[in-house]
Protein backbone atom coordinates (compact mmCIF):
# COMPACT_ATOMS: atom_id res chain seq x y z
CA MET A 1 144.42 229.50 -63.70
CA PRO A 2 144.97 226.56 -66.04
CA HIS A 3 148.67 227.40 -66.54
CA ALA A 4 149.48 227.02 -62.84
CA ARG A 5 147.81 223.59 -62.78
CA LEU A 6 149.72 222.52 -65.88
CA ASP A 7 153.03 223.57 -64.31
CA ARG A 8 152.33 221.47 -61.21
CA GLU A 9 151.42 218.47 -63.35
CA VAL A 10 154.65 218.78 -65.33
CA ASP A 11 156.68 218.93 -62.11
CA LYS A 12 155.00 215.81 -60.74
CA ILE A 13 156.12 213.67 -63.66
CA ASP A 14 159.56 215.28 -63.98
CA ALA A 15 162.10 212.71 -62.77
CA THR A 16 165.18 214.29 -64.37
CA LEU A 17 166.18 216.52 -61.46
CA PRO A 18 169.33 215.51 -59.61
CA PRO A 19 169.36 214.24 -56.02
CA THR A 20 168.93 216.92 -53.36
CA ALA A 21 172.59 216.92 -52.28
CA LEU A 22 173.75 217.49 -55.84
CA GLY A 23 171.10 220.17 -56.34
CA LEU A 24 172.30 222.01 -53.23
CA SER A 25 175.87 221.87 -54.51
CA LEU A 26 174.80 223.27 -57.87
CA LEU A 27 172.90 226.09 -56.15
CA GLU A 28 176.03 226.92 -54.13
CA ILE A 29 178.03 227.08 -57.37
CA TYR A 30 175.33 229.26 -58.90
CA TYR A 31 175.58 231.78 -56.05
CA ALA A 32 179.38 231.70 -56.03
CA ARG A 33 179.72 232.38 -59.77
CA ILE A 34 176.68 234.32 -60.98
CA CYS A 35 177.19 237.94 -59.88
CA ASN A 36 173.51 238.97 -59.89
CA ALA A 37 172.15 235.78 -58.29
CA PRO A 38 171.34 237.43 -54.91
CA VAL A 39 169.40 240.15 -56.70
CA LEU A 40 167.31 237.64 -58.63
CA PHE A 41 166.77 235.10 -55.85
CA PRO A 42 167.49 235.72 -52.15
CA LYS A 43 169.77 232.84 -51.17
CA PRO A 44 168.14 231.76 -47.88
CA LEU A 45 164.67 231.82 -49.43
CA LEU A 46 165.74 229.89 -52.53
CA PHE A 47 167.44 227.17 -50.48
CA GLN A 48 164.46 226.92 -48.13
CA GLU A 49 161.98 226.61 -51.00
CA TYR A 50 164.24 224.13 -52.81
CA LEU A 51 164.32 221.85 -49.78
CA ALA A 52 160.54 222.20 -49.43
CA GLY A 53 160.06 221.25 -53.11
CA ALA A 54 158.33 224.54 -53.88
CA ILE A 55 160.43 225.59 -56.90
CA PRO A 56 159.20 224.54 -60.35
CA GLY A 57 161.37 222.01 -62.15
CA TYR A 58 161.86 224.20 -65.20
CA LEU A 59 163.35 226.98 -63.03
CA LEU A 60 165.64 224.54 -61.22
CA LYS A 61 166.87 223.15 -64.52
CA GLY A 62 167.74 226.67 -65.66
CA LEU A 63 169.63 227.43 -62.46
CA PHE A 64 171.42 224.07 -62.55
CA ALA A 65 172.32 224.52 -66.23
CA ASN A 66 173.89 227.90 -65.46
CA ALA A 67 175.82 226.42 -62.54
CA THR A 68 177.22 223.56 -64.64
CA LEU A 69 178.97 226.07 -66.89
CA TYR A 70 181.38 226.75 -64.03
CA ILE A 71 182.25 223.13 -63.22
CA PRO A 72 185.62 222.11 -64.72
CA LEU A 73 185.47 219.17 -67.12
CA ASN A 74 187.83 217.15 -64.95
CA PHE A 75 185.29 217.35 -62.09
CA GLY A 76 182.72 215.31 -63.97
CA ARG A 77 180.88 218.03 -65.88
CA ARG A 78 179.84 215.63 -68.64
CA PHE A 79 178.44 213.17 -66.09
CA LEU A 80 176.54 215.98 -64.38
CA LEU A 81 175.06 217.22 -67.63
CA ALA A 82 174.08 213.72 -68.65
CA HIS A 83 172.36 213.22 -65.30
CA LEU A 84 170.56 216.56 -65.35
CA TYR A 85 169.25 216.09 -68.86
CA ALA A 86 168.94 212.33 -69.13
CA ASP A 87 165.88 212.60 -71.33
CA PHE A 88 167.76 214.59 -73.97
CA SER A 89 170.42 213.04 -76.12
CA ILE A 90 173.73 214.76 -75.48
CA SER A 91 176.39 213.79 -77.95
CA ARG A 92 179.96 215.01 -77.83
CA LYS A 93 182.57 214.05 -80.31
């Protein structure tokens, strides 16, 4: 399975994920705001696997990106987005 090996290699060099505490907060926001989240990912299992480092980085980035849509701008949404995607240039005018 060459694809599985490639995914693990990508995750090893991916340093753009937020600290664990911030990631847990974003996952809480995801479950509070996305109505079908429990159907897609059972909450206890997702949190357990997140803490164990068993979730691929690309999936976490997708979940975190969805969660950031529900953070008000005055709560540091731009800072959060800049931290989550530091390797991409985000420009707002």
